[in-house]
Amino acid sequence: MIINIRSQSIPSCYLDKIFLENTNKTISSILEDDWWPYAEKIGDRHFPNVSKVKAHIKFREERGWQYEVSGNPKDPIVRLVGFKK
């Protein structure tokens, strides 16, 4: 899948890959456990908090990406499930 290839060099695609594989982590848990260690290693600061990640998801949804969102609306569980043209 293209996300796996791009996730090696594009930070936002790395975050999308995390959402693709997510089953039960909230955004804040993903940030703490998966994103921030990666971002620190590469020197990226694009997603410092839940709000910025939610904006990224909204941006992607406007372009056809599809997500399953559940749980607390302030800190939801998000899974990338597809793309609609």
C-alpha atoms as a PDB file:
ATOM      1  CA  MET A   1       0.000   0.000   0.000  1.00  0.00           C
ATOM      2  CA  ILE A   2       1.186   3.504  -0.802  1.00  0.00           C
ATOM      3  CA  ILE A   3       0.952   4.676   2.833  1.00  0.00           C
ATOM      4  CA  ASN A   4       3.570   2.117   3.873  1.00  0.00           C
ATOM      5  CA  ILE A   5       6.004   3.411   1.252  1.00  0.00           C
ATOM      6  CA  ARG A   6       5.370   7.111   1.882  1.00  0.00           C
ATOM      7  CA  SER A   7       5.408   6.676   5.664  1.00  0.00           C
ATOM      8  CA  GLN A   8       9.141   6.067   5.441  1.00  0.00           C
ATOM      9  CA  SER A   9       9.804   9.623   4.261  1.00  0.00           C
ATOM     10  CA  ILE A  10       6.671  11.751   4.841  1.00  0.00           C
ATOM     11  CA  PRO A  11       5.747  12.384   8.486  1.00  0.00           C
ATOM     12  CA  SER A  12       2.018  12.912   7.885  1.00  0.00           C
ATOM     13  CA  CYS A  13       1.902   9.576   6.063  1.00  0.00           C
ATOM     14  CA  TYR A  14       3.573   7.958   9.063  1.00  0.00           C
ATOM     15  CA  LEU A  15       0.711   9.265  11.202  1.00  0.00           C
ATOM     16  CA  ASP A  16      -1.784   7.916   8.639  1.00  0.00           C
ATOM     17  CA  LYS A  17      -0.078   4.521   8.840  1.00  0.00           C
ATOM     18  CA  ILE A  18      -0.568   4.560  12.612  1.00  0.00           C
ATOM     19  CA  PHE A  19      -4.284   5.282  12.094  1.00  0.00           C
ATOM     20  CA  LEU A  20      -4.500   2.509   9.510  1.00  0.00           C
ATOM     21  CA  GLU A  21      -3.228  -0.001  12.070  1.00  0.00           C
ATOM     22  CA  ASN A  22      -5.105   1.463  15.058  1.00  0.00           C
ATOM     23  CA  THR A  23      -7.757  -0.605  16.792  1.00  0.00           C
ATOM     24  CA  ASN A  24      -8.254   0.922  20.222  1.00  0.00           C
ATOM     25  CA  LYS A  25      -5.898   3.824  20.979  1.00  0.00           C
ATOM     26  CA  THR A  26      -7.139   7.363  21.453  1.00  0.00           C
ATOM     27  CA  ILE A  27      -5.408  10.192  19.623  1.00  0.00           C
ATOM     28  CA  SER A  28      -3.622  11.284  22.806  1.00  0.00           C
ATOM     29  CA  SER A  29      -2.326   7.737  23.327  1.00  0.00           C
ATOM     30  CA  ILE A  30      -1.112   7.580  19.740  1.00  0.00           C
ATOM     31  CA  LEU A  31       0.667  10.891  20.174  1.00  0.00           C
ATOM     32  CA  GLU A  32       2.357   9.817  23.380  1.00  0.00           C
ATOM     33  CA  ASP A  33       3.213   6.228  22.483  1.00  0.00           C
ATOM     34  CA  ASP A  34       3.841   6.361  18.739  1.00  0.00           C
ATOM     35  CA  TRP A  35       4.023   9.836  17.253  1.00  0.00           C
ATOM     36  CA  TRP A  36       6.147  11.918  19.643  1.00  0.00           C
ATOM     37  CA  PRO A  37       9.026   9.399  19.848  1.00  0.00           C
ATOM     38  CA  TYR A  38       9.082   9.246  16.037  1.00  0.00           C
ATOM     39  CA  ALA A  39       8.719  13.017  15.628  1.00  0.00           C
ATOM     40  CA  GLU A  40      11.510  13.716  18.100  1.00  0.00           C
ATOM     41  CA  LYS A  41      13.805  11.353  16.228  1.00  0.00           C
ATOM     42  CA  ILE A  42      13.245  13.135  12.889  1.00  0.00           C
ATOM     43  CA  GLY A  43      12.816  16.654  14.290  1.00  0.00           C
ATOM     44  CA  ASP A  44       9.182  17.094  13.213  1.00  0.00           C
ATOM     45  CA  ARG A  45       6.692  19.303  15.098  1.00  0.00           C
ATOM     46  CA  HIS A  46       3.573  19.119  12.921  1.00  0.00           C
ATOM     47  CA  PHE A  47       1.283  17.338  15.392  1.00  0.00           C
ATOM     48  CA  PRO A  48       1.930  18.631  18.921  1.00  0.00           C
ATOM     49  CA  ASN A  49      -1.587  17.967  20.282  1.00  0.00           C
ATOM     50  CA  VAL A  50      -4.952  16.293  19.718  1.00  0.00           C
ATOM     51  CA  SER A  51      -6.432  19.408  18.122  1.00  0.00           C
ATOM     52  CA  LYS A  52      -3.797  19.493  15.359  1.00  0.00           C
ATOM     53  CA  VAL A  53      -4.313  15.791  14.652  1.00  0.00           C
ATOM     54  CA  LYS A  54      -8.076  16.274  14.416  1.00  0.00           C
ATOM     55  CA  ALA A  55      -7.458  19.089  11.919  1.00  0.00           C
ATOM     56  CA  HIS A  56      -5.256  16.718   9.887  1.00  0.00           C
ATOM     57  CA  ILE A  57      -8.047  14.119   9.896  1.00  0.00           C
ATOM     58  CA  LYS A  58     -10.592  16.717   8.768  1.00  0.00           C
ATOM     59  CA  PHE A  59      -8.220  17.828   5.984  1.00  0.00           C
ATOM     60  CA  ARG A  60      -7.847  14.237   4.809  1.00  0.00           C
ATOM     61  CA  GLU A  61     -11.605  13.580   4.995  1.00  0.00           C
ATOM     62  CA  GLU A  62     -12.256  16.577   2.751  1.00  0.00           C
ATOM     63  CA  ARG A  63     -10.065  14.871   0.160  1.00  0.00           C
ATOM     64  CA  GLY A  64     -11.795  11.486   0.308  1.00  0.00           C
ATOM     65  CA  TRP A  65     -10.015   9.675   3.109  1.00  0.00           C
ATOM     66  CA  GLN A  66     -12.378   7.682   5.326  1.00  0.00           C
ATOM     67  CA  TYR A  67     -11.998   7.175   9.068  1.00  0.00           C
ATOM     68  CA  GLU A  68     -13.933   5.344  11.761  1.00  0.00           C
ATOM     69  CA  VAL A  69     -14.219   7.581  14.811  1.00  0.00           C
ATOM     70  CA  SER A  70     -15.518   6.390  18.175  1.00  0.00           C
ATOM     71  CA  GLY A  71     -15.307   7.122  21.870  1.00  0.00           C
ATOM     72  CA  ASN A  72     -14.854  10.526  23.455  1.00  0.00           C
ATOM     73  CA  PRO A  73     -15.229  13.310  20.844  1.00  0.00           C
ATOM     74  CA  LYS A  74     -12.517  15.356  22.590  1.00  0.00           C
ATOM     75  CA  ASP A  75     -10.018  12.468  22.340  1.00  0.00           C
ATOM     76  CA  PRO A  76     -11.493   9.857  19.998  1.00  0.00           C
ATOM     77  CA  ILE A  77     -10.309   6.493  18.824  1.00  0.00           C
ATOM     78  CA  VAL A  78      -9.603   6.918  15.115  1.00  0.00           C
ATOM     79  CA  ARG A  79      -8.954   4.288  12.473  1.00  0.00           C
ATOM     80  CA  LEU A  80      -8.214   4.932   8.814  1.00  0.00           C
ATOM     81  CA  VAL A  81     -10.496   2.606   6.850  1.00  0.00           C
ATOM     82  CA  GLY A  82     -10.362   3.687   3.214  1.00  0.00           C
ATOM     83  CA  PHE A  83     -10.403   6.245   0.464  1.00  0.00           C
ATOM     84  CA  LYS A  84     -13.304   7.375  -1.682  1.00  0.00           C
ATOM     85  CA  LYS A  85     -12.717   9.224  -4.938  1.00  0.00           C
END
